[in-house]
Amino acid sequence: MKTQYYTASSLDGFIADRQNSLDWLLQFQGEAGEDYKAFIHKVGAITRGSTTYRWILDHHIYADPQHPRPRPYEQPTWVFTSRKLTVLPRGSTQEK
């Protein structure tokens, strides 16, 4: 078993910008292409912080609350946090 750390960050070492947005990162989605798809398919689990988790809920899954989008990954996800967060059931777009 091995652990890989994979992240994207700005030159100053941050994942999100000063407004906790990942928009700057998503502009590069198409550039990784098939290499990223092949890589993420081999990943067994994902970890993230609560701010990133909340941003994905607000700006991806529930950007249009009438038509929630699916979770961006199929893998189990662990969120590191000290606060209560909305929980998404595995494989679902609906909140509990």
N, C-alpha and C. Protein backbone atom coordinates (compact mmCIF):
# COMPACT_ATOMS: atom_id res chain seq x y z
N MET A 1 0.84 -1.17 0.00
CA MET A 1 0.00 0.00 0.00
C MET A 1 0.89 1.24 0.00
N LYS A 2 0.49 2.23 -0.75
CA LYS A 2 1.25 3.47 -0.76
C LYS A 2 0.30 4.65 -0.67
N THR A 3 0.81 5.74 -0.20
CA THR A 3 0.04 6.97 -0.09
C THR A 3 0.66 8.00 -1.01
N GLN A 4 -0.18 8.65 -1.80
CA GLN A 4 0.29 9.71 -2.68
C GLN A 4 -0.39 11.01 -2.25
N TYR A 5 0.38 12.06 -2.27
CA TYR A 5 -0.18 13.38 -1.99
C TYR A 5 -0.22 14.12 -3.32
N TYR A 6 -1.41 14.49 -3.73
CA TYR A 6 -1.59 15.18 -5.00
C TYR A 6 -2.41 16.42 -4.74
N THR A 7 -1.90 17.55 -5.08
CA THR A 7 -2.65 18.79 -4.90
C THR A 7 -2.21 19.80 -5.94
N ALA A 8 -3.05 20.75 -6.15
CA ALA A 8 -2.70 21.90 -6.97
C ALA A 8 -2.65 23.08 -6.03
N SER A 9 -1.68 23.93 -6.23
CA SER A 9 -1.61 25.13 -5.40
C SER A 9 -1.00 26.27 -6.20
N SER A 10 -1.28 27.46 -5.72
CA SER A 10 -0.70 28.65 -6.34
C SER A 10 0.78 28.71 -5.96
N LEU A 11 1.51 29.60 -6.58
CA LEU A 11 2.94 29.71 -6.30
C LEU A 11 3.23 30.06 -4.84
N ASP A 12 2.27 30.72 -4.17
CA ASP A 12 2.49 31.05 -2.77
C ASP A 12 2.04 29.92 -1.83
N GLY A 13 1.67 28.75 -2.39
CA GLY A 13 1.39 27.57 -1.59
C GLY A 13 -0.04 27.39 -1.14
N PHE A 14 -0.97 28.17 -1.66
CA PHE A 14 -2.36 28.06 -1.25
C PHE A 14 -3.17 27.27 -2.28
N ILE A 15 -4.18 26.56 -1.79
CA ILE A 15 -5.07 25.81 -2.68
C ILE A 15 -6.22 26.71 -3.13
N ALA A 16 -6.76 27.50 -2.22
CA ALA A 16 -7.85 28.43 -2.54
C ALA A 16 -7.32 29.85 -2.52
N ASP A 17 -8.08 30.75 -3.14
CA ASP A 17 -7.67 32.16 -3.12
C ASP A 17 -8.14 32.82 -1.82
N ARG A 18 -7.96 34.12 -1.71
CA ARG A 18 -8.30 34.83 -0.47
C ARG A 18 -9.79 34.79 -0.14
N GLN A 19 -10.63 34.52 -1.13
CA GLN A 19 -12.07 34.40 -0.90
C GLN A 19 -12.49 32.93 -0.74
N ASN A 20 -11.51 32.04 -0.52
CA ASN A 20 -11.74 30.59 -0.39
C ASN A 20 -12.32 29.97 -1.64
N SER A 21 -12.06 30.55 -2.78
CA SER A 21 -12.58 30.05 -4.05
C SER A 21 -11.57 29.15 -4.74
N LEU A 22 -12.09 28.16 -5.47
CA LEU A 22 -11.25 27.30 -6.30
C LEU A 22 -11.39 27.65 -7.78
N ASP A 23 -12.08 28.74 -8.09
CA ASP A 23 -12.29 29.11 -9.49
C ASP A 23 -10.99 29.24 -10.26
N TRP A 24 -9.95 29.76 -9.64
CA TRP A 24 -8.66 29.92 -10.33
C TRP A 24 -8.15 28.57 -10.80
N LEU A 25 -8.39 27.53 -10.02
CA LEU A 25 -7.89 26.19 -10.34
C LEU A 25 -8.71 25.54 -11.45
N LEU A 26 -10.02 25.74 -11.42
CA LEU A 26 -10.89 25.07 -12.38
C LEU A 26 -10.70 25.55 -13.81
N GLN A 27 -10.05 26.68 -13.99
CA GLN A 27 -9.79 27.15 -15.35
C GLN A 27 -8.84 26.21 -16.10
N PHE A 28 -8.13 25.34 -15.37
CA PHE A 28 -7.16 24.43 -15.98
C PHE A 28 -7.69 23.02 -16.16
N GLN A 29 -8.97 22.77 -15.90
CA GLN A 29 -9.52 21.42 -15.93
C GLN A 29 -9.20 20.64 -17.18
N GLY A 30 -9.34 21.24 -18.33
CA GLY A 30 -9.15 20.51 -19.57
C GLY A 30 -7.70 20.19 -19.89
N GLU A 31 -6.76 20.88 -19.30
CA GLU A 31 -5.37 20.71 -19.67
C GLU A 31 -4.77 19.39 -19.22
N ALA A 32 -5.24 18.84 -18.10
CA ALA A 32 -4.70 17.57 -17.62
C ALA A 32 -5.20 16.41 -18.47
N GLY A 33 -6.38 16.56 -19.02
CA GLY A 33 -6.95 15.59 -19.94
C GLY A 33 -6.97 14.16 -19.43
N GLU A 34 -6.62 13.26 -20.31
CA GLU A 34 -6.69 11.83 -20.01
C GLU A 34 -5.72 11.42 -18.91
N ASP A 35 -4.60 12.11 -18.77
CA ASP A 35 -3.66 11.77 -17.70
C ASP A 35 -4.31 11.89 -16.34
N TYR A 36 -5.07 12.96 -16.13
CA TYR A 36 -5.74 13.16 -14.84
C TYR A 36 -6.84 12.12 -14.64
N LYS A 37 -7.62 11.84 -15.69
CA LYS A 37 -8.68 10.84 -15.58
C LYS A 37 -8.12 9.48 -15.22
N ALA A 38 -7.02 9.10 -15.83
CA ALA A 38 -6.39 7.81 -15.51
C ALA A 38 -5.85 7.81 -14.08
N PHE A 39 -5.27 8.93 -13.67
CA PHE A 39 -4.73 9.04 -12.32
C PHE A 39 -5.85 8.93 -11.28
N ILE A 40 -6.90 9.73 -11.41
CA ILE A 40 -7.95 9.78 -10.40
C ILE A 40 -8.70 8.45 -10.32
N HIS A 41 -8.76 7.72 -11.42
CA HIS A 41 -9.41 6.41 -11.42
C HIS A 41 -8.70 5.42 -10.49
N LYS A 42 -7.40 5.60 -10.31
CA LYS A 42 -6.60 4.71 -9.45
C LYS A 42 -6.61 5.13 -7.98
N VAL A 43 -7.13 6.32 -7.69
CA VAL A 43 -7.14 6.82 -6.31
C VAL A 43 -8.22 6.08 -5.52
N GLY A 44 -7.85 5.61 -4.31
CA GLY A 44 -8.79 4.85 -3.50
C GLY A 44 -9.63 5.69 -2.56
N ALA A 45 -9.14 6.85 -2.16
CA ALA A 45 -9.87 7.72 -1.23
C ALA A 45 -9.35 9.14 -1.38
N ILE A 46 -10.19 10.09 -1.00
CA ILE A 46 -9.85 11.50 -1.12
C ILE A 46 -10.00 12.16 0.25
N THR A 47 -9.10 13.07 0.57
CA THR A 47 -9.22 13.86 1.79
C THR A 47 -9.26 15.33 1.40
N ARG A 48 -9.94 16.10 2.23
CA ARG A 48 -9.98 17.55 1.99
C ARG A 48 -10.35 18.24 3.29
N GLY A 49 -10.13 19.52 3.32
CA GLY A 49 -10.52 20.32 4.47
C GLY A 49 -11.96 20.78 4.34
N SER A 50 -12.49 21.29 5.43
CA SER A 50 -13.90 21.68 5.45
C SER A 50 -14.21 22.85 4.51
N THR A 51 -13.29 23.77 4.35
CA THR A 51 -13.55 24.91 3.46
C THR A 51 -13.66 24.44 2.01
N THR A 52 -12.78 23.55 1.59
CA THR A 52 -12.86 23.00 0.23
C THR A 52 -14.13 22.20 0.05
N TYR A 53 -14.48 21.37 1.04
CA TYR A 53 -15.71 20.59 0.98
C TYR A 53 -16.92 21.49 0.82
N ARG A 54 -17.01 22.53 1.63
CA ARG A 54 -18.15 23.45 1.58
C ARG A 54 -18.19 24.18 0.23
N TRP A 55 -17.03 24.56 -0.29
CA TRP A 55 -16.97 25.24 -1.58
C TRP A 55 -17.51 24.33 -2.68
N ILE A 56 -17.14 23.06 -2.67
CA ILE A 56 -17.63 22.11 -3.68
C ILE A 56 -19.15 21.96 -3.58
N LEU A 57 -19.67 21.89 -2.35
CA LEU A 57 -21.13 21.83 -2.18
C LEU A 57 -21.79 23.06 -2.78
N ASP A 58 -21.30 24.24 -2.42
CA ASP A 58 -21.94 25.50 -2.83
C ASP A 58 -21.76 25.83 -4.31
N HIS A 59 -20.60 25.50 -4.88
CA HIS A 59 -20.29 25.94 -6.24
C HIS A 59 -20.32 24.83 -7.29
N HIS A 60 -20.44 23.60 -6.86
CA HIS A 60 -20.52 22.51 -7.83
C HIS A 60 -21.84 21.75 -7.65
N ILE A 61 -22.00 21.09 -6.53
CA ILE A 61 -23.16 20.22 -6.33
C ILE A 61 -24.46 21.01 -6.26
N TYR A 62 -24.51 22.06 -5.46
CA TYR A 62 -25.74 22.83 -5.27
C TYR A 62 -25.66 24.23 -5.89
N ALA A 63 -24.86 24.39 -6.93
CA ALA A 63 -24.81 25.68 -7.61
C ALA A 63 -26.20 26.07 -8.10
N ASP A 64 -26.96 25.10 -8.58
CA ASP A 64 -28.37 25.28 -8.91
C ASP A 64 -29.14 24.32 -8.01
N PRO A 65 -29.67 24.81 -6.89
CA PRO A 65 -30.33 23.93 -5.92
C PRO A 65 -31.49 23.11 -6.49
N GLN A 66 -32.12 23.60 -7.56
CA GLN A 66 -33.21 22.85 -8.18
C GLN A 66 -32.71 21.64 -8.97
N HIS A 67 -31.44 21.67 -9.36
CA HIS A 67 -30.86 20.59 -10.15
C HIS A 67 -29.46 20.26 -9.63
N PRO A 68 -29.38 19.62 -8.46
CA PRO A 68 -28.05 19.30 -7.92
C PRO A 68 -27.27 18.39 -8.85
N ARG A 69 -25.97 18.62 -8.89
CA ARG A 69 -25.09 17.80 -9.72
C ARG A 69 -24.49 16.69 -8.86
N PRO A 70 -24.02 15.64 -9.49
CA PRO A 70 -23.42 14.55 -8.72
C PRO A 70 -22.09 14.96 -8.10
N ARG A 71 -21.71 14.21 -7.08
CA ARG A 71 -20.40 14.42 -6.47
C ARG A 71 -19.34 14.30 -7.56
N PRO A 72 -18.28 15.09 -7.49
CA PRO A 72 -17.28 15.04 -8.55
C PRO A 72 -16.41 13.77 -8.54
N TYR A 73 -16.43 13.03 -7.43
CA TYR A 73 -15.62 11.81 -7.34
C TYR A 73 -16.46 10.68 -6.79
N GLU A 74 -16.14 9.44 -7.19
CA GLU A 74 -16.83 8.27 -6.69
C GLU A 74 -16.17 7.72 -5.43
N GLN A 75 -14.92 8.04 -5.19
CA GLN A 75 -14.18 7.49 -4.07
C GLN A 75 -14.73 7.99 -2.73
N PRO A 76 -14.52 7.20 -1.67
CA PRO A 76 -14.85 7.71 -0.33
C PRO A 76 -14.02 8.95 -0.06
N THR A 77 -14.63 9.90 0.67
CA THR A 77 -13.96 11.16 0.97
C THR A 77 -13.98 11.42 2.46
N TRP A 78 -12.84 11.75 3.01
CA TRP A 78 -12.73 12.16 4.41
C TRP A 78 -12.50 13.66 4.44
N VAL A 79 -13.29 14.32 5.27
CA VAL A 79 -13.18 15.77 5.41
C VAL A 79 -12.65 16.06 6.81
N PHE A 80 -11.55 16.78 6.88
CA PHE A 80 -10.96 17.16 8.16
C PHE A 80 -11.56 18.48 8.61
N THR A 81 -12.26 18.43 9.74
CA THR A 81 -12.96 19.62 10.21
C THR A 81 -13.19 19.56 11.71
N SER A 82 -13.45 20.71 12.27
CA SER A 82 -13.82 20.79 13.68
C SER A 82 -15.22 21.37 13.82
N ARG A 83 -15.95 21.46 12.69
CA ARG A 83 -17.31 22.00 12.71
C ARG A 83 -18.28 21.04 12.03
N LYS A 84 -19.57 21.20 12.28
CA LYS A 84 -20.58 20.36 11.66
C LYS A 84 -20.77 20.79 10.22
N LEU A 85 -20.87 19.80 9.34
CA LEU A 85 -21.04 20.06 7.91
C LEU A 85 -22.20 19.24 7.37
N THR A 86 -22.73 19.65 6.22
CA THR A 86 -23.72 18.88 5.50
C THR A 86 -23.08 17.57 5.05
N VAL A 87 -23.78 16.48 5.23
CA VAL A 87 -23.26 15.17 4.85
C VAL A 87 -23.98 14.69 3.59
N LEU A 88 -23.21 14.27 2.61
CA LEU A 88 -23.77 13.69 1.40
C LEU A 88 -23.65 12.18 1.49
N PRO A 89 -24.74 11.45 1.35
CA PRO A 89 -24.64 9.99 1.33
C PRO A 89 -23.79 9.55 0.15
N ARG A 90 -23.05 8.48 0.32
CA ARG A 90 -22.18 7.98 -0.75
C ARG A 90 -23.01 7.71 -2.01
N GLY A 91 -22.55 8.23 -3.14
CA GLY A 91 -23.21 8.01 -4.41
C GLY A 91 -24.47 8.83 -4.63
N SER A 92 -24.72 9.81 -3.76
CA SER A 92 -25.96 10.59 -3.86
C SER A 92 -25.63 12.07 -4.00
N THR A 93 -26.59 12.82 -4.53
CA THR A 93 -26.44 14.27 -4.57
C THR A 93 -27.34 14.92 -3.55
N GLN A 94 -28.10 14.14 -2.82
CA GLN A 94 -29.07 14.69 -1.87
C GLN A 94 -28.50 14.75 -0.46
N GLU A 95 -28.85 15.79 0.26
CA GLU A 95 -28.43 15.92 1.65
C GLU A 95 -29.28 15.03 2.54
N LYS A 96 -28.72 14.64 3.67
CA LYS A 96 -29.48 13.91 4.69
C LYS A 96 -30.16 14.90 5.59
